[in-house]
Amino acid sequence: MDDKQILTRIRELVDDEHQLRERLRRGEITSAEEQARLRHLEESLDQCWDLLRQRRARAEFREDPDTAAARPAEEVEGYWQ
């Protein structure tokens, strides 16, 4: 996945998040359903941002950005902010 594809995926996930919140507002899903789905979306977003940062760091240091790989959600979610 290249940078452009990652950014497209990030936009899709953000759109999904907005649609999910709208569905809750309209009463189409419960708050519990929204929270469960939001957690998954947030994990996916964090993985995408992590992959993008890896690729950009490799490019900055003249390494091949295509060697960057998505890390498991458990690993990405465990990072300190």
Protein backbone atom coordinates (compact mmCIF):
# COMPACT_ATOMS: atom_id res chain seq x y z
CA MET A 1 0.00 0.00 0.00
CA ASP A 2 1.53 3.35 -0.98
CA ASP A 3 1.02 6.71 0.77
CA LYS A 4 -1.84 7.72 -1.50
CA GLN A 5 -3.69 4.46 -0.86
CA ILE A 6 -3.17 4.81 2.89
CA LEU A 7 -4.53 8.36 2.87
CA THR A 8 -7.53 7.20 0.83
CA ARG A 9 -8.16 4.46 3.39
CA ILE A 10 -7.89 6.98 6.23
CA ARG A 11 -10.51 9.19 4.54
CA GLU A 12 -12.79 6.17 4.09
CA LEU A 13 -12.48 5.26 7.75
CA VAL A 14 -13.21 8.84 8.85
CA ASP A 15 -16.27 8.86 6.57
CA ASP A 16 -17.38 5.56 8.14
CA GLU A 17 -16.98 7.11 11.58
CA HIS A 18 -19.16 10.08 10.61
CA GLN A 19 -21.82 7.78 9.13
CA LEU A 20 -21.79 5.68 12.28
CA ARG A 21 -22.36 8.72 14.48
CA GLU A 22 -25.18 9.85 12.18
CA ARG A 23 -26.82 6.42 12.40
CA LEU A 24 -26.70 6.67 16.20
CA ARG A 25 -28.22 10.15 16.08
CA ARG A 26 -31.09 8.84 13.91
CA GLY A 27 -31.64 5.93 16.30
CA GLU A 28 -30.68 3.26 13.77
CA ILE A 29 -28.12 1.69 16.11
CA THR A 30 -27.63 1.58 19.86
CA SER A 31 -24.89 3.37 21.74
CA ALA A 32 -23.29 -0.01 22.52
CA GLU A 33 -23.21 -0.89 18.80
CA GLU A 34 -21.71 2.49 18.01
CA GLN A 35 -19.00 2.09 20.65
CA ALA A 36 -18.04 -1.40 19.46
CA ARG A 37 -17.79 -0.28 15.86
CA LEU A 38 -15.98 2.94 16.78
CA ARG A 39 -13.33 0.94 18.62
CA HIS A 40 -12.67 -1.11 15.50
CA LEU A 41 -12.57 2.03 13.31
CA GLU A 42 -10.18 3.77 15.70
CA GLU A 43 -7.86 0.76 15.74
CA SER A 44 -7.86 0.66 11.94
CA LEU A 45 -7.16 4.39 11.76
CA ASP A 46 -4.28 4.07 14.21
CA GLN A 47 -2.81 1.25 12.13
CA CYS A 48 -3.05 3.34 8.96
CA TRP A 49 -1.42 6.37 10.58
CA ASP A 50 1.32 4.16 12.01
CA LEU A 51 2.02 2.64 8.59
CA LEU A 52 2.09 6.07 6.97
CA ARG A 53 4.55 7.34 9.62
CA GLN A 54 6.75 4.27 9.06
CA ARG A 55 6.78 4.84 5.30
CA ARG A 56 7.58 8.54 5.65
CA ALA A 57 10.39 7.85 8.13
CA ARG A 58 11.93 5.28 5.81
CA ALA A 59 11.72 7.67 2.87
CA GLU A 60 13.27 10.46 4.96
CA PHE A 61 16.25 8.26 5.77
CA ARG A 62 16.57 7.06 2.17
CA GLU A 63 15.25 3.59 2.89
CA ASP A 64 12.62 1.78 0.86
CA PRO A 65 9.17 2.83 2.18
CA ASP A 66 7.71 -0.33 0.66
CA THR A 67 9.46 -2.36 3.38
CA ALA A 68 7.14 -0.81 6.00
CA ALA A 69 4.44 -3.15 7.20
CA ALA A 70 1.20 -2.70 9.08
CA ARG A 71 1.60 -3.65 12.71
CA PRO A 72 -1.02 -5.55 14.71
CA ALA A 73 -3.67 -3.39 16.36
CA GLU A 74 -2.59 -4.63 19.81
CA GLU A 75 0.92 -3.29 19.20
CA VAL A 76 -0.18 0.06 17.77
CA GLU A 77 -2.76 0.57 20.50
CA GLY A 78 -0.08 -0.05 23.13
CA TYR A 79 2.04 2.96 22.10
CA TRP A 80 2.37 5.82 24.53
CA GLN A 81 1.03 9.11 23.25
